[in-house]
Amino acid sequence: MTAHQPWSIERIAAALGNPTLAQRFLGEINKAPAYRVMEVFAKWQGVAERLEETAARVEEARAAEAAGLPIPGEWVDVTEEVQAEAARIRARGAA
């Protein structure tokens, strides 16, 4: 689906990209009383928009990685924090 198409129930269901999620949306919008249909529609439109935006960022990152370029975005290296937490857990005998 492209961004210039107006949002519709069909477009939202397709943009969700997961049959289970699409069924959840369709069930919710079909069971909504008339006064809540637009509220449910708007909620799921927001979910679909965020998923489309995320998918675009993922594709951008894949393309950059395939081209040997740095992955776009700001990345925080938390390796030291993860290793310190793992050491604390091991010290307690949990690992």
Protein backbone atom coordinates (compact mmCIF):
# COMPACT_ATOMS: atom_id res chain seq x y z
CA MET A 1 0.00 0.00 0.00
CA THR A 2 1.19 3.48 -0.70
CA ALA A 3 0.97 6.51 1.51
CA HIS A 4 -1.17 8.47 -0.97
CA GLN A 5 -4.09 6.03 -0.76
CA PRO A 6 -6.78 7.06 1.70
CA TRP A 7 -7.10 4.94 4.78
CA SER A 8 -9.85 2.34 4.60
CA ILE A 9 -10.71 -0.77 6.57
CA GLU A 10 -9.07 -2.82 3.81
CA ARG A 11 -5.90 -0.71 3.81
CA ILE A 12 -5.58 -0.87 7.60
CA ALA A 13 -6.01 -4.66 7.60
CA ALA A 14 -3.37 -5.02 4.87
CA ALA A 15 -0.95 -2.58 6.54
CA LEU A 16 -1.08 -4.54 9.79
CA GLY A 17 0.88 -7.23 7.94
CA ASN A 18 -0.16 -10.04 10.24
CA PRO A 19 -3.32 -12.12 9.75
CA THR A 20 -3.92 -12.45 13.49
CA LEU A 21 -3.58 -8.71 14.03
CA ALA A 22 -5.79 -7.99 11.02
CA GLN A 23 -8.46 -10.35 12.39
CA ARG A 24 -8.29 -8.59 15.75
CA PHE A 25 -8.82 -5.24 14.04
CA LEU A 26 -11.67 -6.52 11.88
CA GLY A 27 -13.34 -8.14 14.88
CA GLU A 28 -13.05 -4.96 16.90
CA ILE A 29 -14.37 -2.67 14.19
CA ASN A 30 -17.19 -5.06 13.27
CA LYS A 31 -18.35 -5.36 16.89
CA ALA A 32 -18.08 -1.66 17.68
CA PRO A 33 -21.36 0.20 18.18
CA ALA A 34 -21.96 2.88 15.55
CA TYR A 35 -20.92 5.72 17.84
CA ARG A 36 -17.50 4.06 18.41
CA VAL A 37 -16.66 2.99 14.83
CA MET A 38 -14.58 6.11 14.06
CA GLU A 39 -12.77 5.83 17.40
CA VAL A 40 -11.82 2.22 16.67
CA PHE A 41 -10.89 3.14 13.10
CA ALA A 42 -8.63 5.98 14.28
CA LYS A 43 -6.95 3.75 16.87
CA TRP A 44 -6.11 1.07 14.32
CA GLN A 45 -5.17 3.61 11.66
CA GLY A 46 -2.53 4.89 14.09
CA VAL A 47 -1.26 1.35 14.65
CA ALA A 48 -1.07 0.75 10.89
CA GLU A 49 0.71 4.07 10.28
CA ARG A 50 3.33 3.28 12.92
CA LEU A 51 3.86 -0.19 11.43
CA GLU A 52 4.30 1.27 7.94
CA GLU A 53 6.78 3.84 9.26
CA THR A 54 8.70 1.15 11.09
CA ALA A 55 8.77 -1.08 8.00
CA ALA A 56 10.19 1.82 5.97
CA ARG A 57 12.94 2.37 8.56
CA VAL A 58 13.76 -1.34 8.58
CA GLU A 59 14.08 -1.38 4.79
CA GLU A 60 16.32 1.70 4.96
CA ALA A 61 18.53 -0.04 7.53
CA ARG A 62 18.67 -3.24 5.45
CA ALA A 63 19.66 -1.30 2.34
CA ALA A 64 22.37 0.58 4.24
CA GLU A 65 23.75 -2.63 5.74
CA ALA A 66 23.72 -4.39 2.35
CA ALA A 67 25.66 -1.46 0.87
CA GLY A 68 28.19 -1.59 3.70
CA LEU A 69 27.07 1.78 5.06
CA PRO A 70 26.37 2.67 8.68
CA ILE A 71 22.83 1.91 9.76
CA PRO A 72 20.92 5.20 10.00
CA GLY A 73 19.71 6.46 13.34
CA GLU A 74 21.09 7.09 16.77
CA TRP A 75 22.35 3.99 18.51
CA VAL A 76 23.34 3.73 22.14
CA ASP A 77 25.90 1.07 23.01
CA VAL A 78 24.71 -0.59 26.21
CA THR A 79 27.11 -3.54 26.02
CA GLU A 80 28.85 -2.63 29.27
CA GLU A 81 25.55 -2.28 31.14
CA VAL A 82 24.31 -5.64 29.84
CA GLN A 83 27.57 -7.35 30.76
CA ALA A 84 27.53 -5.79 34.25
CA GLU A 85 23.94 -6.95 34.80
CA ALA A 86 24.84 -10.45 33.60
CA ALA A 87 27.77 -10.51 36.01
CA ARG A 88 25.46 -9.47 38.88
CA ILE A 89 23.01 -12.23 38.00
CA ARG A 90 25.78 -14.82 37.75
CA ALA A 91 27.11 -13.68 41.11
CA ARG A 92 23.72 -14.43 42.65
CA GLY A 93 23.84 -17.91 41.11
CA ALA A 94 20.88 -17.38 38.80
CA ALA A 95 22.75 -18.07 35.56
